[in-house]
Amino acid sequence: MVTLHTKNSQTFVSTPSWLTNIATSFPPAEVEVLRTACELAEPIYQGHVEVTGTPLMQHALGTASILIGMNMDYETVSAAILYAVPDHLDDSAEKIDQACGANVKMLVEGMSRMGRISLLGEVGTQDKNAAAQQIESLRKMLLAMVDDIRVVLIKLAERTQTLRNLSGASAEQQKLIAQQTRSLFAPLANRLGVWQLKWELEDLSVRYLEPELYKKIAKLLDERRVDRERYITEVVAKLKQSLHQAGISAEVTGRAKHIYSIINKMKRKQLDFSELYDVRAVRILVDDVQSCYTALGIVQSLWTPISSEFDDYIAHPKSNNYRSLHTAVIGSQGLASEVQI
C-alpha cells in the first residue's frame, strides 16, 4: 500500500512506497542501485525545498517517475534522484561514484553543468530577432556541452516536474520559469523528439504566461469534450474498418489537441476557436511511406478534404526529421477534423 502525504494540494509518496511501486520496472540488482541512490539523497535533501516549495526529495522522485514512464534505464533514474546532491555536499562526486557507479556520477555532473548554463536562458534583449538568436545559441550550447544525451532528458523531466507544481512558486518565479521553458526547454524537447514532454512543457508554460487565454481555451475544450469525444470515436471506428478492408495495417487513435498549439494557431492564422479545424483530431500510424499515402487516399475518399489544410512532411520533413501527412476534412454533421498520418 502506498503511503501518501498531502501538502499544499500536492500528493507525496514515501520513499519506501516509491521503491516498492517501481520494483517491477527493473531487475532486482538495479532496484538496489535505485535504493542506494535514495538512501544517499534523502538525508542530504532533508529540510530543503525546490523553488515551488516542494520538498526536494519529492521533487527528485517525481522527476525519476517521469523518466521511468519514458522507459529510461536505471542509471538515468538514479541520476535524477541524485541531481541536486552536488548543491548540498562538497565531496558529492566521490560519494555518488562509490554508491552508484561512475556512469551515474557522470550524469549528475552533467546535470550540474547544464544547470549553470541554463541560467542564461533569461533573455534580456528586447529585440525579437536578437533574442531568438541568443536562445538558439543556448540550445546548441546545451546539446554540445553534454557527453551523454541522457543528461538533457533528465533536465527536461526535472523541468516538467517543476512546471507541474509551479503554482507554489512566487508570481515572479512563475513568469521567469515559464518563459525560460517556452523559449529554451520545450524547443529542446521538440528537437529531441520527446513529444509528450514537449506538449506538457508548452501547455504548462502558457498557463502562467497567458493565464486568462489559457483558462478560456481550457473551458471551451471542457464544455465540448463529450460531443467531441463521441464524434472522434465514430471517426476512428470508420477509419479502422476502411483501412482494414484495404489491407492497411494501422493504429488509429483520437488525438488530444494541446492548449498551447491551439493558442498558437489562433494567433498565427487570426482565427476564433470555433474556426479551428484540428480541435477534433485523429492520428493514423502505419508501417511505411506507401501506406501513408494510401491511407491519405482512404481518408479523402471518406470525407471532403479542405484543400487549404494539407501539409506533406514526408516530402518536406521538419528540421527534427518529423515525417507525416496532415490533412483536414469535413465529415458528418458538417464538422471539420484534422487527420495526421
C-alpha atoms as a PDB file:
ATOM      1  CA  MET A   1       0.000   0.000   0.000  1.00  0.00           C
ATOM      2  CA  VAL A   2       1.378   3.409  -0.977  1.00  0.00           C
ATOM      3  CA  THR A   3       1.824   5.881   1.862  1.00  0.00           C
ATOM      4  CA  LEU A   4       0.634   9.306   0.766  1.00  0.00           C
ATOM      5  CA  HIS A   5       1.156  12.667   2.386  1.00  0.00           C
ATOM      6  CA  THR A   6      -0.660  15.777   1.176  1.00  0.00           C
ATOM      7  CA  LYS A   7       0.540  19.362   1.492  1.00  0.00           C
ATOM      8  CA  ASN A   8      -0.455  22.439  -0.483  1.00  0.00           C
ATOM      9  CA  SER A   9      -2.761  20.277  -2.648  1.00  0.00           C
ATOM     10  CA  GLN A  10       0.232  18.125  -3.695  1.00  0.00           C
ATOM     11  CA  THR A  11       0.244  14.383  -3.056  1.00  0.00           C
ATOM     12  CA  PHE A  12       3.512  12.994  -1.709  1.00  0.00           C
ATOM     13  CA  VAL A  13       4.646   9.380  -1.692  1.00  0.00           C
ATOM     14  CA  SER A  14       7.093   7.978   0.861  1.00  0.00           C
ATOM     15  CA  THR A  15      10.447   6.764  -0.461  1.00  0.00           C
ATOM     16  CA  PRO A  16       9.867   3.110   0.582  1.00  0.00           C
ATOM     17  CA  SER A  17       6.488   3.123  -1.155  1.00  0.00           C
ATOM     18  CA  TRP A  18       8.011   4.666  -4.271  1.00  0.00           C
ATOM     19  CA  LEU A  19      10.675   1.968  -4.370  1.00  0.00           C
ATOM     20  CA  THR A  20       8.006  -0.709  -3.988  1.00  0.00           C
ATOM     21  CA  ASN A  21       5.977   0.783  -6.822  1.00  0.00           C
ATOM     22  CA  ILE A  22       8.874   0.842  -9.286  1.00  0.00           C
ATOM     23  CA  ALA A  23      10.303  -2.573  -8.353  1.00  0.00           C
ATOM     24  CA  THR A  24       8.550  -4.296 -11.260  1.00  0.00           C
ATOM     25  CA  SER A  25      10.150  -1.907 -13.773  1.00  0.00           C
ATOM     26  CA  PHE A  26      13.753  -3.001 -13.139  1.00  0.00           C
ATOM     27  CA  PRO A  27      15.714  -6.174 -12.287  1.00  0.00           C
ATOM     28  CA  PRO A  28      16.427  -6.635  -8.537  1.00  0.00           C
ATOM     29  CA  ALA A  29      20.089  -5.568  -8.850  1.00  0.00           C
ATOM     30  CA  GLU A  30      19.078  -2.283 -10.497  1.00  0.00           C
ATOM     31  CA  VAL A  31      16.377  -1.650  -7.899  1.00  0.00           C
ATOM     32  CA  GLU A  32      19.115  -1.920  -5.272  1.00  0.00           C
ATOM     33  CA  VAL A  33      21.111   0.815  -7.028  1.00  0.00           C
ATOM     34  CA  LEU A  34      17.995   2.990  -7.011  1.00  0.00           C
ATOM     35  CA  ARG A  35      17.505   2.225  -3.326  1.00  0.00           C
ATOM     36  CA  THR A  36      21.113   3.223  -2.640  1.00  0.00           C
ATOM     37  CA  ALA A  37      20.581   6.488  -4.539  1.00  0.00           C
ATOM     38  CA  CYS A  38      17.533   7.241  -2.377  1.00  0.00           C
ATOM     39  CA  GLU A  39      19.418   6.395   0.819  1.00  0.00           C
ATOM     40  CA  LEU A  40      22.214   8.775  -0.181  1.00  0.00           C
ATOM     41  CA  ALA A  41      19.931  11.617  -1.292  1.00  0.00           C
ATOM     42  CA  GLU A  42      17.204  11.588   1.364  1.00  0.00           C
ATOM     43  CA  PRO A  43      19.208  12.766   4.410  1.00  0.00           C
ATOM     44  CA  ILE A  44      21.035  15.340   2.273  1.00  0.00           C
ATOM     45  CA  TYR A  45      17.752  16.753   0.940  1.00  0.00           C
ATOM     46  CA  GLN A  46      16.108  16.812   4.361  1.00  0.00           C
ATOM     47  CA  GLY A  47      14.784  20.298   5.112  1.00  0.00           C
ATOM     48  CA  HIS A  48      15.392  21.586   1.576  1.00  0.00           C
ATOM     49  CA  VAL A  49      12.666  22.571  -0.880  1.00  0.00           C
ATOM     50  CA  GLU A  50      12.577  23.186  -4.613  1.00  0.00           C
ATOM     51  CA  VAL A  51      11.576  26.620  -5.976  1.00  0.00           C
ATOM     52  CA  THR A  52       7.901  25.553  -5.962  1.00  0.00           C
ATOM     53  CA  GLY A  53       8.028  24.760  -2.245  1.00  0.00           C
ATOM     54  CA  THR A  54       8.020  21.021  -2.910  1.00  0.00           C
ATOM     55  CA  PRO A  55      10.347  19.049  -0.616  1.00  0.00           C
ATOM     56  CA  LEU A  56      13.478  18.330  -2.628  1.00  0.00           C
ATOM     57  CA  MET A  57      13.246  14.553  -2.217  1.00  0.00           C
ATOM     58  CA  GLN A  58       9.668  14.581  -3.516  1.00  0.00           C
ATOM     59  CA  HIS A  59      10.747  16.683  -6.478  1.00  0.00           C
ATOM     60  CA  ALA A  60      13.547  14.234  -7.279  1.00  0.00           C
ATOM     61  CA  LEU A  61      11.219  11.220  -7.028  1.00  0.00           C
ATOM     62  CA  GLY A  62       8.691  12.966  -9.270  1.00  0.00           C
ATOM     63  CA  THR A  63      11.406  13.598 -11.853  1.00  0.00           C
ATOM     64  CA  ALA A  64      12.534   9.979 -11.599  1.00  0.00           C
ATOM     65  CA  SER A  65       8.951   8.777 -12.122  1.00  0.00           C
ATOM     66  CA  ILE A  66       8.647  10.799 -15.336  1.00  0.00           C
ATOM     67  CA  LEU A  67      11.812   9.141 -16.642  1.00  0.00           C
ATOM     68  CA  ILE A  68      10.533   5.683 -15.711  1.00  0.00           C
ATOM     69  CA  GLY A  69       7.410   6.491 -17.703  1.00  0.00           C
ATOM     70  CA  MET A  70       9.727   7.194 -20.635  1.00  0.00           C
ATOM     71  CA  ASN A  71      11.321   3.734 -20.171  1.00  0.00           C
ATOM     72  CA  MET A  72      14.700   5.191 -19.249  1.00  0.00           C
ATOM     73  CA  ASP A  73      17.402   2.990 -17.724  1.00  0.00           C
ATOM     74  CA  TYR A  74      18.205   2.723 -14.019  1.00  0.00           C
ATOM     75  CA  GLU A  75      21.350   4.878 -14.276  1.00  0.00           C
ATOM     76  CA  THR A  76      19.319   7.775 -15.678  1.00  0.00           C
ATOM     77  CA  VAL A  77      16.689   7.369 -12.962  1.00  0.00           C
ATOM     78  CA  SER A  78      19.368   7.159 -10.253  1.00  0.00           C
ATOM     79  CA  ALA A  79      20.988  10.355 -11.535  1.00  0.00           C
ATOM     80  CA  ALA A  80      17.590  12.092 -11.439  1.00  0.00           C
ATOM     81  CA  ILE A  81      17.260  11.169  -7.772  1.00  0.00           C
ATOM     82  CA  LEU A  82      20.756  12.484  -7.029  1.00  0.00           C
ATOM     83  CA  TYR A  83      20.685  15.534  -9.334  1.00  0.00           C
ATOM     84  CA  ALA A  84      20.774  18.150  -6.514  1.00  0.00           C
ATOM     85  CA  VAL A  85      23.266  16.378  -4.251  1.00  0.00           C
ATOM     86  CA  PRO A  86      26.242  18.443  -5.555  1.00  0.00           C
ATOM     87  CA  ASP A  87      24.457  21.595  -4.369  1.00  0.00           C
ATOM     88  CA  HIS A  88      24.458  20.332  -0.783  1.00  0.00           C
ATOM     89  CA  LEU A  89      27.521  18.070  -0.446  1.00  0.00           C
ATOM     90  CA  ASP A  90      31.155  19.057  -1.037  1.00  0.00           C
ATOM     91  CA  ASP A  91      32.541  15.610  -1.898  1.00  0.00           C
ATOM     92  CA  SER A  92      29.473  14.580  -3.868  1.00  0.00           C
ATOM     93  CA  ALA A  93      31.325  13.160  -6.877  1.00  0.00           C
ATOM     94  CA  GLU A  94      33.244  10.665  -4.757  1.00  0.00           C
ATOM     95  CA  LYS A  95      30.173   9.678  -2.724  1.00  0.00           C
ATOM     96  CA  ILE A  96      27.991   9.173  -5.803  1.00  0.00           C
ATOM     97  CA  ASP A  97      30.728   7.177  -7.556  1.00  0.00           C
ATOM     98  CA  GLN A  98      31.111   4.882  -4.558  1.00  0.00           C
ATOM     99  CA  ALA A  99      27.364   4.449  -4.077  1.00  0.00           C
ATOM    100  CA  CYS A 100      26.036   4.177  -7.645  1.00  0.00           C
ATOM    101  CA  GLY A 101      28.961   3.983 -10.048  1.00  0.00           C
ATOM    102  CA  ALA A 102      30.903   6.148 -12.466  1.00  0.00           C
ATOM    103  CA  ASN A 103      28.128   6.433 -15.059  1.00  0.00           C
ATOM    104  CA  VAL A 104      25.633   7.844 -12.562  1.00  0.00           C
ATOM    105  CA  LYS A 105      28.296  10.247 -11.259  1.00  0.00           C
ATOM    106  CA  MET A 106      28.924  11.430 -14.826  1.00  0.00           C
ATOM    107  CA  LEU A 107      25.213  12.054 -15.420  1.00  0.00           C
ATOM    108  CA  VAL A 108      24.873  14.034 -12.167  1.00  0.00           C
ATOM    109  CA  GLU A 109      27.918  16.129 -13.056  1.00  0.00           C
ATOM    110  CA  GLY A 110      26.376  16.772 -16.473  1.00  0.00           C
ATOM    111  CA  MET A 111      23.191  17.967 -14.787  1.00  0.00           C
ATOM    112  CA  SER A 112      25.216  20.426 -12.699  1.00  0.00           C
ATOM    113  CA  ARG A 113      26.912  21.841 -15.803  1.00  0.00           C
ATOM    114  CA  MET A 114      23.609  22.063 -17.645  1.00  0.00           C
ATOM    115  CA  GLY A 115      22.018  23.826 -14.683  1.00  0.00           C
ATOM    116  CA  ARG A 116      24.685  26.525 -14.777  1.00  0.00           C
ATOM    117  CA  ILE A 117      24.348  27.208 -18.500  1.00  0.00           C
ATOM    118  CA  SER A 118      20.528  27.127 -18.440  1.00  0.00           C
ATOM    119  CA  LEU A 119      20.574  30.047 -16.011  1.00  0.00           C
ATOM    120  CA  LEU A 120      21.488  32.112 -19.066  1.00  0.00           C
ATOM    121  CA  GLY A 121      18.094  31.289 -20.562  1.00  0.00           C
ATOM    122  CA  GLU A 122      16.580  34.542 -19.284  1.00  0.00           C
ATOM    123  CA  VAL A 123      16.993  36.742 -22.328  1.00  0.00           C
ATOM    124  CA  GLY A 124      17.453  40.400 -21.563  1.00  0.00           C
ATOM    125  CA  THR A 125      17.314  41.895 -25.050  1.00  0.00           C
ATOM    126  CA  GLN A 126      14.063  43.408 -26.286  1.00  0.00           C
ATOM    127  CA  ASP A 127      14.923  42.777 -29.947  1.00  0.00           C
ATOM    128  CA  LYS A 128      12.979  39.677 -31.011  1.00  0.00           C
ATOM    129  CA  ASN A 129      15.480  38.579 -33.647  1.00  0.00           C
ATOM    130  CA  ALA A 130      18.427  39.004 -31.311  1.00  0.00           C
ATOM    131  CA  ALA A 131      16.533  37.175 -28.556  1.00  0.00           C
ATOM    132  CA  ALA A 132      15.720  34.282 -30.887  1.00  0.00           C
ATOM    133  CA  GLN A 133      19.364  34.018 -31.949  1.00  0.00           C
ATOM    134  CA  GLN A 134      20.502  34.082 -28.334  1.00  0.00           C
ATOM    135  CA  ILE A 135      18.059  31.331 -27.355  1.00  0.00           C
ATOM    136  CA  GLU A 136      19.079  29.195 -30.358  1.00  0.00           C
ATOM    137  CA  SER A 137      22.722  29.589 -29.351  1.00  0.00           C
ATOM    138  CA  LEU A 138      21.879  28.466 -25.835  1.00  0.00           C
ATOM    139  CA  ARG A 139      20.049  25.387 -27.128  1.00  0.00           C
ATOM    140  CA  LYS A 140      23.022  24.421 -29.266  1.00  0.00           C
ATOM    141  CA  MET A 141      25.387  25.057 -26.363  1.00  0.00           C
ATOM    142  CA  LEU A 142      23.329  22.856 -24.060  1.00  0.00           C
ATOM    143  CA  LEU A 143      23.336  19.985 -26.545  1.00  0.00           C
ATOM    144  CA  ALA A 144      27.034  20.385 -27.335  1.00  0.00           C
ATOM    145  CA  MET A 145      28.239  20.559 -23.754  1.00  0.00           C
ATOM    146  CA  VAL A 146      26.786  17.236 -22.592  1.00  0.00           C
ATOM    147  CA  ASP A 147      28.651  13.988 -23.205  1.00  0.00           C
ATOM    148  CA  ASP A 148      25.502  11.900 -22.779  1.00  0.00           C
ATOM    149  CA  ILE A 149      22.089  12.899 -24.170  1.00  0.00           C
ATOM    150  CA  ARG A 150      20.507  11.336 -21.085  1.00  0.00           C
ATOM    151  CA  VAL A 151      21.592  14.452 -19.187  1.00  0.00           C
ATOM    152  CA  VAL A 152      19.286  16.572 -21.353  1.00  0.00           C
ATOM    153  CA  LEU A 153      16.419  14.120 -20.856  1.00  0.00           C
ATOM    154  CA  ILE A 154      16.852  14.295 -17.075  1.00  0.00           C
ATOM    155  CA  LYS A 155      16.782  18.086 -17.245  1.00  0.00           C
ATOM    156  CA  LEU A 156      13.628  18.073 -19.372  1.00  0.00           C
ATOM    157  CA  ALA A 157      11.932  15.702 -16.922  1.00  0.00           C
ATOM    158  CA  GLU A 158      13.073  17.816 -13.969  1.00  0.00           C
ATOM    159  CA  ARG A 159      11.720  20.975 -15.580  1.00  0.00           C
ATOM    160  CA  THR A 160       8.413  19.208 -16.302  1.00  0.00           C
ATOM    161  CA  GLN A 161       8.153  18.254 -12.632  1.00  0.00           C
ATOM    162  CA  THR A 162       8.788  21.888 -11.657  1.00  0.00           C
ATOM    163  CA  LEU A 163       6.064  23.103 -14.038  1.00  0.00           C
ATOM    164  CA  ARG A 164       3.560  20.619 -12.608  1.00  0.00           C
ATOM    165  CA  ASN A 165       3.933  22.252  -9.187  1.00  0.00           C
ATOM    166  CA  LEU A 166       4.675  25.808 -10.294  1.00  0.00           C
ATOM    167  CA  SER A 167       1.623  27.227  -8.506  1.00  0.00           C
ATOM    168  CA  GLY A 168       3.700  27.009  -5.326  1.00  0.00           C
ATOM    169  CA  ALA A 169       6.301  29.473  -6.623  1.00  0.00           C
ATOM    170  CA  SER A 170       6.094  33.265  -6.427  1.00  0.00           C
ATOM    171  CA  ALA A 171       4.411  35.120  -9.300  1.00  0.00           C
ATOM    172  CA  GLU A 172       7.792  36.437 -10.436  1.00  0.00           C
ATOM    173  CA  GLN A 173       9.321  32.941 -10.443  1.00  0.00           C
ATOM    174  CA  GLN A 174       6.306  31.541 -12.276  1.00  0.00           C
ATOM    175  CA  LYS A 175       6.762  34.001 -15.140  1.00  0.00           C
ATOM    176  CA  LEU A 176      10.531  33.541 -15.287  1.00  0.00           C
ATOM    177  CA  ILE A 177      10.414  29.732 -15.259  1.00  0.00           C
ATOM    178  CA  ALA A 178       7.523  29.590 -17.733  1.00  0.00           C
ATOM    179  CA  GLN A 179       9.283  31.964 -20.161  1.00  0.00           C
ATOM    180  CA  GLN A 180      12.538  30.034 -19.964  1.00  0.00           C
ATOM    181  CA  THR A 181      10.633  26.801 -20.502  1.00  0.00           C
ATOM    182  CA  ARG A 182       8.787  28.053 -23.561  1.00  0.00           C
ATOM    183  CA  SER A 183      11.863  29.554 -25.205  1.00  0.00           C
ATOM    184  CA  LEU A 184      14.524  27.010 -24.240  1.00  0.00           C
ATOM    185  CA  PHE A 185      13.347  23.677 -22.885  1.00  0.00           C
ATOM    186  CA  ALA A 186      10.204  22.990 -24.933  1.00  0.00           C
ATOM    187  CA  PRO A 187      12.134  23.535 -28.207  1.00  0.00           C
ATOM    188  CA  LEU A 188      14.860  21.213 -26.872  1.00  0.00           C
ATOM    189  CA  ALA A 189      12.243  18.525 -26.249  1.00  0.00           C
ATOM    190  CA  ASN A 190      10.924  19.116 -29.759  1.00  0.00           C
ATOM    191  CA  ARG A 191      14.385  18.806 -31.281  1.00  0.00           C
ATOM    192  CA  LEU A 192      14.947  15.506 -29.491  1.00  0.00           C
ATOM    193  CA  GLY A 193      11.517  14.188 -30.449  1.00  0.00           C
ATOM    194  CA  VAL A 194      10.349  13.847 -26.839  1.00  0.00           C
ATOM    195  CA  TRP A 195       6.796  14.779 -27.804  1.00  0.00           C
ATOM    196  CA  GLN A 196       4.996  14.073 -24.538  1.00  0.00           C
ATOM    197  CA  LEU A 197       7.332  16.325 -22.549  1.00  0.00           C
ATOM    198  CA  LYS A 198       7.272  18.959 -25.285  1.00  0.00           C
ATOM    199  CA  TRP A 199       3.460  19.163 -25.203  1.00  0.00           C
ATOM    200  CA  GLU A 200       3.318  19.288 -21.422  1.00  0.00           C
ATOM    201  CA  LEU A 201       6.068  21.898 -21.151  1.00  0.00           C
ATOM    202  CA  GLU A 202       4.325  24.096 -23.716  1.00  0.00           C
ATOM    203  CA  ASP A 203       0.884  23.787 -22.137  1.00  0.00           C
ATOM    204  CA  LEU A 204       2.114  24.402 -18.601  1.00  0.00           C
ATOM    205  CA  SER A 205       4.278  27.361 -19.605  1.00  0.00           C
ATOM    206  CA  VAL A 206       1.423  29.141 -21.416  1.00  0.00           C
ATOM    207  CA  ARG A 207      -0.769  28.547 -18.355  1.00  0.00           C
ATOM    208  CA  TYR A 208       1.425  31.025 -16.468  1.00  0.00           C
ATOM    209  CA  LEU A 209       2.401  33.334 -19.321  1.00  0.00           C
ATOM    210  CA  GLU A 210      -1.143  33.864 -20.644  1.00  0.00           C
ATOM    211  CA  PRO A 211      -3.389  32.692 -17.796  1.00  0.00           C
ATOM    212  CA  GLU A 212      -6.656  34.295 -18.965  1.00  0.00           C
ATOM    213  CA  LEU A 213      -6.392  32.963 -22.507  1.00  0.00           C
ATOM    214  CA  TYR A 214      -5.349  29.567 -21.173  1.00  0.00           C
ATOM    215  CA  LYS A 215      -8.398  29.392 -18.901  1.00  0.00           C
ATOM    216  CA  LYS A 216     -10.707  30.490 -21.726  1.00  0.00           C
ATOM    217  CA  ILE A 217      -9.464  27.782 -24.112  1.00  0.00           C
ATOM    218  CA  ALA A 218      -9.450  25.133 -21.372  1.00  0.00           C
ATOM    219  CA  LYS A 219     -13.066  25.970 -20.549  1.00  0.00           C
ATOM    220  CA  LEU A 220     -14.115  25.829 -24.222  1.00  0.00           C
ATOM    221  CA  LEU A 221     -12.412  22.458 -24.620  1.00  0.00           C
ATOM    222  CA  ASP A 222     -14.045  21.103 -21.494  1.00  0.00           C
ATOM    223  CA  GLU A 223     -17.533  22.325 -22.436  1.00  0.00           C
ATOM    224  CA  ARG A 224     -17.458  20.468 -25.766  1.00  0.00           C
ATOM    225  CA  ARG A 225     -15.420  17.459 -24.633  1.00  0.00           C
ATOM    226  CA  VAL A 226     -18.229  14.868 -24.540  1.00  0.00           C
ATOM    227  CA  ASP A 227     -19.558  15.674 -28.027  1.00  0.00           C
ATOM    228  CA  ARG A 228     -16.037  15.878 -29.428  1.00  0.00           C
ATOM    229  CA  GLU A 229     -15.021  12.531 -27.951  1.00  0.00           C
ATOM    230  CA  ARG A 230     -18.184  10.851 -29.225  1.00  0.00           C
ATOM    231  CA  TYR A 231     -17.588  12.195 -32.725  1.00  0.00           C
ATOM    232  CA  ILE A 232     -13.919  11.152 -32.718  1.00  0.00           C
ATOM    233  CA  THR A 233     -14.877   7.637 -31.575  1.00  0.00           C
ATOM    234  CA  GLU A 234     -17.131   7.321 -34.615  1.00  0.00           C
ATOM    235  CA  VAL A 235     -14.414   8.630 -36.959  1.00  0.00           C
ATOM    236  CA  VAL A 236     -11.806   6.237 -35.514  1.00  0.00           C
ATOM    237  CA  ALA A 237     -14.144   3.243 -35.904  1.00  0.00           C
ATOM    238  CA  LYS A 238     -14.920   4.109 -39.529  1.00  0.00           C
ATOM    239  CA  LEU A 239     -11.248   4.617 -40.357  1.00  0.00           C
ATOM    240  CA  LYS A 240     -10.205   1.328 -38.760  1.00  0.00           C
ATOM    241  CA  GLN A 241     -12.822  -0.539 -40.783  1.00  0.00           C
ATOM    242  CA  SER A 242     -11.861   1.129 -44.096  1.00  0.00           C
ATOM    243  CA  LEU A 243      -8.122   0.670 -43.565  1.00  0.00           C
ATOM    244  CA  HIS A 244      -8.613  -2.984 -42.638  1.00  0.00           C
ATOM    245  CA  GLN A 245     -10.692  -3.565 -45.762  1.00  0.00           C
ATOM    246  CA  ALA A 246      -7.901  -2.002 -47.828  1.00  0.00           C
ATOM    247  CA  GLY A 247      -5.323  -4.308 -46.243  1.00  0.00           C
ATOM    248  CA  ILE A 248      -3.522  -1.483 -44.427  1.00  0.00           C
ATOM    249  CA  SER A 249      -2.099  -2.378 -41.022  1.00  0.00           C
ATOM    250  CA  ALA A 250      -2.623   0.743 -38.927  1.00  0.00           C
ATOM    251  CA  GLU A 251      -3.034   2.061 -35.398  1.00  0.00           C
ATOM    252  CA  VAL A 252      -5.790   4.675 -35.280  1.00  0.00           C
ATOM    253  CA  THR A 253      -6.321   6.889 -32.243  1.00  0.00           C
ATOM    254  CA  GLY A 254      -8.034  10.106 -31.277  1.00  0.00           C
ATOM    255  CA  ARG A 255      -5.526  12.856 -30.580  1.00  0.00           C
ATOM    256  CA  ALA A 256      -5.954  15.431 -27.869  1.00  0.00           C
ATOM    257  CA  LYS A 257      -5.250  18.945 -29.136  1.00  0.00           C
ATOM    258  CA  HIS A 258      -2.934  20.784 -26.775  1.00  0.00           C
ATOM    259  CA  ILE A 259      -3.849  24.213 -25.484  1.00  0.00           C
ATOM    260  CA  TYR A 260      -0.516  25.775 -26.464  1.00  0.00           C
ATOM    261  CA  SER A 261      -0.872  24.677 -30.100  1.00  0.00           C
ATOM    262  CA  ILE A 262      -4.492  25.883 -30.168  1.00  0.00           C
ATOM    263  CA  ILE A 263      -3.452  29.334 -28.937  1.00  0.00           C
ATOM    264  CA  ASN A 264      -0.540  29.425 -31.384  1.00  0.00           C
ATOM    265  CA  LYS A 265      -2.758  28.585 -34.346  1.00  0.00           C
ATOM    266  CA  MET A 266      -5.421  31.105 -33.299  1.00  0.00           C
ATOM    267  CA  LYS A 267      -2.776  33.828 -33.177  1.00  0.00           C
ATOM    268  CA  ARG A 268      -0.893  32.774 -36.305  1.00  0.00           C
ATOM    269  CA  LYS A 269      -3.982  32.454 -38.512  1.00  0.00           C
ATOM    270  CA  GLN A 270      -6.075  35.072 -36.661  1.00  0.00           C
ATOM    271  CA  LEU A 271      -8.866  32.564 -36.088  1.00  0.00           C
ATOM    272  CA  ASP A 272     -11.531  32.222 -33.454  1.00  0.00           C
ATOM    273  CA  PHE A 273     -11.681  28.961 -31.501  1.00  0.00           C
ATOM    274  CA  SER A 274     -14.821  27.945 -33.409  1.00  0.00           C
ATOM    275  CA  GLU A 275     -12.916  28.244 -36.715  1.00  0.00           C
ATOM    276  CA  LEU A 276     -10.203  25.734 -35.842  1.00  0.00           C
ATOM    277  CA  TYR A 277     -10.233  22.509 -37.828  1.00  0.00           C
ATOM    278  CA  ASP A 278      -7.990  20.432 -35.603  1.00  0.00           C
ATOM    279  CA  VAL A 279      -9.661  20.608 -32.204  1.00  0.00           C
ATOM    280  CA  ARG A 280     -11.100  17.276 -33.347  1.00  0.00           C
ATOM    281  CA  ALA A 281      -8.095  15.235 -34.438  1.00  0.00           C
ATOM    282  CA  VAL A 282      -7.151  11.674 -35.344  1.00  0.00           C
ATOM    283  CA  ARG A 283      -3.749  10.062 -35.756  1.00  0.00           C
ATOM    284  CA  ILE A 284      -3.059   7.103 -38.065  1.00  0.00           C
ATOM    285  CA  LEU A 285       0.217   5.227 -37.563  1.00  0.00           C
ATOM    286  CA  VAL A 286       1.278   2.931 -40.438  1.00  0.00           C
ATOM    287  CA  ASP A 287       4.344   0.838 -41.251  1.00  0.00           C
ATOM    288  CA  ASP A 288       5.764   2.549 -44.334  1.00  0.00           C
ATOM    289  CA  VAL A 289       5.612   5.591 -46.606  1.00  0.00           C
ATOM    290  CA  GLN A 290       3.472   3.927 -49.260  1.00  0.00           C
ATOM    291  CA  SER A 291       0.848   3.100 -46.632  1.00  0.00           C
ATOM    292  CA  CYS A 292       0.821   6.773 -45.565  1.00  0.00           C
ATOM    293  CA  TYR A 293      -0.278   7.909 -48.995  1.00  0.00           C
ATOM    294  CA  THR A 294      -2.719   5.003 -49.357  1.00  0.00           C
ATOM    295  CA  ALA A 295      -4.270   5.937 -46.006  1.00  0.00           C
ATOM    296  CA  LEU A 296      -4.478   9.564 -47.152  1.00  0.00           C
ATOM    297  CA  GLY A 297      -6.443   8.463 -50.209  1.00  0.00           C
ATOM    298  CA  ILE A 298      -8.844   6.499 -47.999  1.00  0.00           C
ATOM    299  CA  VAL A 299      -9.370   9.457 -45.667  1.00  0.00           C
ATOM    300  CA  GLN A 300     -10.065  11.824 -48.540  1.00  0.00           C
ATOM    301  CA  SER A 301     -12.478   9.337 -50.149  1.00  0.00           C
ATOM    302  CA  LEU A 302     -14.468   9.007 -46.915  1.00  0.00           C
ATOM    303  CA  TRP A 303     -14.785  12.745 -46.235  1.00  0.00           C
ATOM    304  CA  THR A 304     -14.420  16.017 -48.125  1.00  0.00           C
ATOM    305  CA  PRO A 305     -10.853  17.361 -47.885  1.00  0.00           C
ATOM    306  CA  ILE A 306     -10.176  21.019 -47.106  1.00  0.00           C
ATOM    307  CA  SER A 307      -7.626  21.895 -49.779  1.00  0.00           C
ATOM    308  CA  SER A 308      -6.035  24.744 -47.840  1.00  0.00           C
ATOM    309  CA  GLU A 309      -5.301  22.445 -44.893  1.00  0.00           C
ATOM    310  CA  PHE A 310      -2.785  19.939 -46.264  1.00  0.00           C
ATOM    311  CA  ASP A 311       0.893  19.543 -45.319  1.00  0.00           C
ATOM    312  CA  ASP A 312       3.258  16.894 -46.664  1.00  0.00           C
ATOM    313  CA  TYR A 313       6.010  16.472 -44.074  1.00  0.00           C
ATOM    314  CA  ILE A 314       7.183  13.291 -45.824  1.00  0.00           C
ATOM    315  CA  ALA A 315       8.220  15.076 -48.985  1.00  0.00           C
ATOM    316  CA  HIS A 316       9.350  18.045 -46.879  1.00  0.00           C
ATOM    317  CA  PRO A 317      10.362  16.769 -43.383  1.00  0.00           C
ATOM    318  CA  LYS A 318      10.624  19.176 -40.471  1.00  0.00           C
ATOM    319  CA  SER A 319      14.074  20.064 -39.120  1.00  0.00           C
ATOM    320  CA  ASN A 320      13.778  17.381 -36.427  1.00  0.00           C
ATOM    321  CA  ASN A 321      13.002  14.766 -39.141  1.00  0.00           C
ATOM    322  CA  TYR A 322       9.321  14.609 -38.230  1.00  0.00           C
ATOM    323  CA  ARG A 323       7.617  12.915 -41.197  1.00  0.00           C
ATOM    324  CA  SER A 324       3.861  12.707 -41.660  1.00  0.00           C
ATOM    325  CA  LEU A 325       0.905  13.849 -43.715  1.00  0.00           C
ATOM    326  CA  HIS A 326      -1.546  16.364 -42.249  1.00  0.00           C
ATOM    327  CA  THR A 327      -4.957  16.876 -43.783  1.00  0.00           C
ATOM    328  CA  ALA A 328      -8.273  18.337 -42.650  1.00  0.00           C
ATOM    329  CA  VAL A 329     -11.644  17.045 -43.800  1.00  0.00           C
ATOM    330  CA  ILE A 330     -15.323  17.896 -43.452  1.00  0.00           C
ATOM    331  CA  GLY A 331     -17.092  14.857 -42.043  1.00  0.00           C
ATOM    332  CA  SER A 332     -20.592  14.002 -40.922  1.00  0.00           C
ATOM    333  CA  GLN A 333     -22.633  16.758 -39.264  1.00  0.00           C
ATOM    334  CA  GLY A 334     -20.531  19.228 -41.270  1.00  0.00           C
ATOM    335  CA  LEU A 335     -17.756  19.043 -38.661  1.00  0.00           C
ATOM    336  CA  ALA A 336     -14.106  19.515 -39.580  1.00  0.00           C
ATOM    337  CA  SER A 337     -11.371  17.260 -38.257  1.00  0.00           C
ATOM    338  CA  GLU A 338      -7.619  17.029 -38.671  1.00  0.00           C
ATOM    339  CA  VAL A 339      -6.042  13.701 -39.598  1.00  0.00           C
ATOM    340  CA  GLN A 340      -2.331  13.085 -39.097  1.00  0.00           C
ATOM    341  CA  ILE A 341      -0.854  10.071 -40.875  1.00  0.00           C
END
